[in-house]
Amino acid sequence: MIENQKIRPAMVVGPLGEPLTIESLPAPQTTRWVVRRKAEVVAAVNGGLLSIDEVCERYTLTLEEFASWQRAVDRSGMQGLRVTRIQHYRDLYERQLKY
């Protein structure tokens, strides 16, 4: 019985170093996704607070959209999540792969 239960942390460290709990995550009805909110959701998944499926359902995101957030954070940190700079960081990442 116990081995079937998934143990989750009560909190994880957020992108700015603050503690994140399920209650402190962006509201499920969030429609305006600023960099900080995206980074908090990615940190929650990376820390095990929520699963990818739970995040996609909670925020009505597609798997591809959330995966693009994760890739952006992995490649360029929080700055990679800025919509206005996506192409810049994508080009920078591709140039780094070449050399």
N, C-alpha and C. Protein backbone atom coordinates (compact mmCIF):
# COMPACT_ATOMS: atom_id res chain seq x y z
N MET A 1 0.81 -1.19 0.00
CA MET A 1 0.00 0.00 0.00
C MET A 1 0.86 1.26 0.00
N ILE A 2 1.81 1.35 0.90
CA ILE A 2 2.61 2.57 1.01
C ILE A 2 3.44 2.79 -0.25
N GLU A 3 3.93 1.73 -0.85
CA GLU A 3 4.76 1.92 -2.03
C GLU A 3 3.98 2.47 -3.21
N ASN A 4 2.64 2.38 -3.21
CA ASN A 4 1.83 2.92 -4.28
C ASN A 4 1.55 4.41 -4.10
N GLN A 5 1.76 4.93 -2.90
CA GLN A 5 1.51 6.34 -2.65
C GLN A 5 2.71 7.16 -3.10
N LYS A 6 2.40 8.24 -3.77
CA LYS A 6 3.48 9.11 -4.24
C LYS A 6 3.78 10.14 -3.17
N ILE A 7 5.02 10.17 -2.72
CA ILE A 7 5.43 11.13 -1.71
C ILE A 7 5.87 12.41 -2.41
N ARG A 8 5.27 13.53 -1.99
CA ARG A 8 5.59 14.82 -2.59
C ARG A 8 6.11 15.75 -1.51
N PRO A 9 7.00 16.64 -1.91
CA PRO A 9 7.46 17.63 -0.94
C PRO A 9 6.35 18.63 -0.62
N ALA A 10 6.39 19.19 0.56
CA ALA A 10 5.41 20.20 0.95
C ALA A 10 5.72 21.53 0.27
N MET A 11 7.00 21.73 -0.03
CA MET A 11 7.41 22.96 -0.70
C MET A 11 8.67 22.71 -1.51
N VAL A 12 8.90 23.57 -2.48
CA VAL A 12 10.13 23.53 -3.28
C VAL A 12 10.68 24.96 -3.33
N VAL A 13 11.89 25.08 -3.77
CA VAL A 13 12.51 26.40 -3.89
C VAL A 13 12.12 26.97 -5.25
N GLY A 14 11.58 28.18 -5.22
CA GLY A 14 11.14 28.84 -6.45
C GLY A 14 12.29 29.43 -7.24
N PRO A 15 11.99 30.01 -8.38
CA PRO A 15 13.04 30.54 -9.25
C PRO A 15 13.78 31.74 -8.65
N LEU A 16 13.17 32.42 -7.72
CA LEU A 16 13.82 33.56 -7.07
C LEU A 16 14.34 33.22 -5.68
N GLY A 17 14.34 31.91 -5.35
CA GLY A 17 14.86 31.47 -4.06
C GLY A 17 13.82 31.42 -2.96
N GLU A 18 12.59 31.77 -3.25
CA GLU A 18 11.52 31.76 -2.25
C GLU A 18 10.87 30.38 -2.18
N PRO A 19 10.30 30.02 -1.03
CA PRO A 19 9.61 28.73 -0.94
C PRO A 19 8.31 28.75 -1.74
N LEU A 20 8.06 27.68 -2.48
CA LEU A 20 6.83 27.56 -3.25
C LEU A 20 6.02 26.39 -2.70
N THR A 21 4.75 26.63 -2.45
CA THR A 21 3.82 25.57 -2.07
C THR A 21 2.72 25.55 -3.13
N ILE A 22 1.86 24.56 -3.08
CA ILE A 22 0.75 24.51 -4.03
C ILE A 22 -0.12 25.76 -3.89
N GLU A 23 -0.29 26.22 -2.66
CA GLU A 23 -1.12 27.41 -2.43
C GLU A 23 -0.48 28.68 -2.98
N SER A 24 0.83 28.73 -3.04
CA SER A 24 1.49 29.95 -3.51
C SER A 24 1.73 29.95 -5.03
N LEU A 25 1.39 28.87 -5.71
CA LEU A 25 1.51 28.83 -7.17
C LEU A 25 0.48 29.77 -7.79
N PRO A 26 0.68 30.15 -9.05
CA PRO A 26 -0.33 30.99 -9.71
C PRO A 26 -1.70 30.34 -9.66
N ALA A 27 -2.73 31.17 -9.65
CA ALA A 27 -4.10 30.68 -9.60
C ALA A 27 -4.42 29.85 -10.85
N PRO A 28 -5.26 28.82 -10.71
CA PRO A 28 -5.60 27.98 -11.87
C PRO A 28 -6.24 28.75 -13.04
N GLN A 29 -6.90 29.86 -12.75
CA GLN A 29 -7.53 30.63 -13.82
C GLN A 29 -6.61 31.69 -14.43
N THR A 30 -5.32 31.59 -14.19
CA THR A 30 -4.34 32.54 -14.73
C THR A 30 -4.39 32.54 -16.25
N THR A 31 -4.47 33.73 -16.83
CA THR A 31 -4.44 33.85 -18.29
C THR A 31 -3.26 34.69 -18.76
N ARG A 32 -2.73 35.52 -17.90
CA ARG A 32 -1.57 36.36 -18.26
C ARG A 32 -0.32 35.73 -17.66
N TRP A 33 0.48 35.14 -18.52
CA TRP A 33 1.66 34.40 -18.07
C TRP A 33 2.90 35.25 -18.17
N VAL A 34 3.29 35.86 -17.07
CA VAL A 34 4.54 36.61 -17.02
C VAL A 34 5.67 35.62 -16.73
N VAL A 35 6.89 36.08 -16.91
CA VAL A 35 8.06 35.22 -16.75
C VAL A 35 8.10 34.55 -15.38
N ARG A 36 7.85 35.31 -14.33
CA ARG A 36 7.92 34.77 -12.96
C ARG A 36 6.93 33.63 -12.77
N ARG A 37 5.70 33.78 -13.26
CA ARG A 37 4.69 32.73 -13.09
C ARG A 37 5.06 31.47 -13.85
N LYS A 38 5.54 31.64 -15.07
CA LYS A 38 5.98 30.47 -15.84
C LYS A 38 7.11 29.75 -15.11
N ALA A 39 8.08 30.52 -14.61
CA ALA A 39 9.23 29.93 -13.91
C ALA A 39 8.79 29.22 -12.64
N GLU A 40 7.79 29.76 -11.94
CA GLU A 40 7.29 29.10 -10.73
C GLU A 40 6.66 27.75 -11.06
N VAL A 41 5.89 27.70 -12.14
CA VAL A 41 5.25 26.44 -12.53
C VAL A 41 6.31 25.42 -12.94
N VAL A 42 7.32 25.84 -13.68
CA VAL A 42 8.40 24.93 -14.08
C VAL A 42 9.15 24.43 -12.84
N ALA A 43 9.43 25.32 -11.89
CA ALA A 43 10.12 24.92 -10.66
C ALA A 43 9.28 23.94 -9.86
N ALA A 44 7.97 24.12 -9.85
CA ALA A 44 7.09 23.20 -9.12
C ALA A 44 7.15 21.80 -9.71
N VAL A 45 7.19 21.70 -11.01
CA VAL A 45 7.29 20.39 -11.66
C VAL A 45 8.67 19.79 -11.44
N ASN A 46 9.71 20.60 -11.63
CA ASN A 46 11.07 20.09 -11.45
C ASN A 46 11.33 19.63 -10.02
N GLY A 47 10.69 20.28 -9.05
CA GLY A 47 10.86 19.93 -7.65
C GLY A 47 9.94 18.81 -7.18
N GLY A 48 9.00 18.39 -8.02
CA GLY A 48 8.10 17.30 -7.66
C GLY A 48 6.84 17.74 -6.94
N LEU A 49 6.58 19.03 -6.89
CA LEU A 49 5.37 19.53 -6.22
C LEU A 49 4.12 19.14 -7.00
N LEU A 50 4.21 19.20 -8.32
CA LEU A 50 3.13 18.80 -9.22
C LEU A 50 3.71 17.99 -10.37
N SER A 51 2.89 17.14 -10.96
CA SER A 51 3.33 16.41 -12.16
C SER A 51 3.02 17.26 -13.39
N ILE A 52 3.59 16.89 -14.51
CA ILE A 52 3.34 17.61 -15.75
C ILE A 52 1.86 17.52 -16.11
N ASP A 53 1.28 16.34 -15.94
CA ASP A 53 -0.15 16.17 -16.25
C ASP A 53 -1.01 17.07 -15.38
N GLU A 54 -0.67 17.17 -14.09
CA GLU A 54 -1.44 18.03 -13.18
C GLU A 54 -1.33 19.49 -13.58
N VAL A 55 -0.14 19.91 -13.98
CA VAL A 55 0.06 21.31 -14.39
C VAL A 55 -0.74 21.61 -15.65
N CYS A 56 -0.67 20.70 -16.63
CA CYS A 56 -1.40 20.92 -17.88
C CYS A 56 -2.90 20.99 -17.63
N GLU A 57 -3.40 20.15 -16.75
CA GLU A 57 -4.82 20.17 -16.44
C GLU A 57 -5.20 21.40 -15.62
N ARG A 58 -4.40 21.71 -14.62
CA ARG A 58 -4.69 22.84 -13.73
C ARG A 58 -4.72 24.18 -14.47
N TYR A 59 -3.77 24.36 -15.40
CA TYR A 59 -3.64 25.63 -16.10
C TYR A 59 -4.12 25.58 -17.55
N THR A 60 -4.73 24.49 -17.95
CA THR A 60 -5.18 24.26 -19.34
C THR A 60 -4.07 24.59 -20.35
N LEU A 61 -2.92 24.00 -20.12
CA LEU A 61 -1.78 24.13 -21.02
C LEU A 61 -1.67 22.87 -21.86
N THR A 62 -1.10 23.00 -23.04
CA THR A 62 -0.77 21.81 -23.80
C THR A 62 0.58 21.29 -23.33
N LEU A 63 0.84 20.05 -23.57
CA LEU A 63 2.12 19.46 -23.20
C LEU A 63 3.25 20.18 -23.93
N GLU A 64 3.03 20.53 -25.18
CA GLU A 64 4.06 21.22 -25.97
C GLU A 64 4.37 22.60 -25.39
N GLU A 65 3.32 23.31 -24.94
CA GLU A 65 3.54 24.64 -24.37
C GLU A 65 4.37 24.56 -23.10
N PHE A 66 4.00 23.62 -22.22
CA PHE A 66 4.77 23.48 -20.98
C PHE A 66 6.20 23.02 -21.28
N ALA A 67 6.35 22.09 -22.22
CA ALA A 67 7.69 21.61 -22.58
C ALA A 67 8.55 22.75 -23.12
N SER A 68 7.94 23.68 -23.84
CA SER A 68 8.72 24.82 -24.36
C SER A 68 9.19 25.71 -23.20
N TRP A 69 8.37 25.85 -22.16
CA TRP A 69 8.79 26.60 -20.97
C TRP A 69 9.98 25.92 -20.31
N GLN A 70 9.89 24.60 -20.17
CA GLN A 70 11.00 23.87 -19.54
C GLN A 70 12.28 24.01 -20.34
N ARG A 71 12.19 23.86 -21.66
CA ARG A 71 13.38 24.01 -22.52
C ARG A 71 13.97 25.40 -22.39
N ALA A 72 13.12 26.42 -22.36
CA ALA A 72 13.60 27.81 -22.26
C ALA A 72 14.34 28.02 -20.95
N VAL A 73 13.81 27.48 -19.86
CA VAL A 73 14.48 27.63 -18.56
C VAL A 73 15.79 26.85 -18.55
N ASP A 74 15.79 25.65 -19.10
CA ASP A 74 17.02 24.85 -19.14
C ASP A 74 18.11 25.53 -19.97
N ARG A 75 17.73 26.13 -21.07
CA ARG A 75 18.71 26.73 -21.98
C ARG A 75 19.18 28.11 -21.51
N SER A 76 18.23 28.97 -21.09
CA SER A 76 18.57 30.37 -20.86
C SER A 76 18.12 30.92 -19.52
N GLY A 77 17.61 30.09 -18.65
CA GLY A 77 17.12 30.57 -17.37
C GLY A 77 15.81 31.33 -17.55
N MET A 78 15.47 32.11 -16.55
CA MET A 78 14.20 32.84 -16.59
C MET A 78 14.12 33.79 -17.78
N GLN A 79 15.23 34.35 -18.21
CA GLN A 79 15.22 35.29 -19.34
C GLN A 79 14.71 34.63 -20.62
N GLY A 80 14.93 33.33 -20.73
CA GLY A 80 14.47 32.60 -21.92
C GLY A 80 12.97 32.51 -22.03
N LEU A 81 12.26 32.79 -20.94
CA LEU A 81 10.80 32.73 -20.94
C LEU A 81 10.16 34.02 -21.45
N ARG A 82 10.95 35.06 -21.66
CA ARG A 82 10.39 36.32 -22.14
C ARG A 82 9.94 36.15 -23.58
N VAL A 83 8.69 36.41 -23.84
CA VAL A 83 8.12 36.23 -25.17
C VAL A 83 8.83 37.11 -26.20
N THR A 84 9.19 38.31 -25.80
CA THR A 84 9.81 39.24 -26.74
C THR A 84 11.24 38.84 -27.09
N ARG A 85 11.83 37.93 -26.34
CA ARG A 85 13.23 37.56 -26.57
C ARG A 85 13.41 36.10 -27.00
N ILE A 86 12.33 35.41 -27.28
CA ILE A 86 12.42 33.99 -27.61
C ILE A 86 13.36 33.75 -28.78
N GLN A 87 13.19 34.50 -29.87
CA GLN A 87 14.02 34.30 -31.05
C GLN A 87 15.49 34.57 -30.75
N HIS A 88 15.78 35.61 -29.97
CA HIS A 88 17.16 35.93 -29.62
C HIS A 88 17.81 34.76 -28.88
N TYR A 89 17.15 34.25 -27.85
CA TYR A 89 17.72 33.16 -27.07
C TYR A 89 17.79 31.86 -27.87
N ARG A 90 16.83 31.64 -28.77
CA ARG A 90 16.86 30.45 -29.61
C ARG A 90 18.08 30.51 -30.53
N ASP A 91 18.32 31.67 -31.15
CA ASP A 91 19.48 31.83 -32.02
C ASP A 91 20.78 31.65 -31.25
N LEU A 92 20.84 32.23 -30.06
CA LEU A 92 22.03 32.11 -29.22
C LEU A 92 22.31 30.66 -28.87
N TYR A 93 21.27 29.92 -28.50
CA TYR A 93 21.42 28.50 -28.16
C TYR A 93 21.90 27.70 -29.37
N GLU A 94 21.31 27.96 -30.55
CA GLU A 94 21.71 27.23 -31.75
C GLU A 94 23.16 27.53 -32.14
N ARG A 95 23.60 28.77 -31.95
CA ARG A 95 24.99 29.12 -32.22
C ARG A 95 25.94 28.39 -31.27
N GLN A 96 25.54 28.26 -30.01
CA GLN A 96 26.38 27.56 -29.02
C GLN A 96 26.51 26.09 -29.38
N LEU A 97 25.48 25.50 -29.94
CA LEU A 97 25.53 24.09 -30.34
C LEU A 97 26.49 23.86 -31.50
N LYS A 98 26.62 24.86 -32.35
CA LYS A 98 27.49 24.72 -33.52
C LYS A 98 28.96 24.69 -33.14
N TYR A 99 29.34 25.44 -32.09
CA TYR A 99 30.76 25.60 -31.76
C TYR A 99 31.16 24.84 -30.56
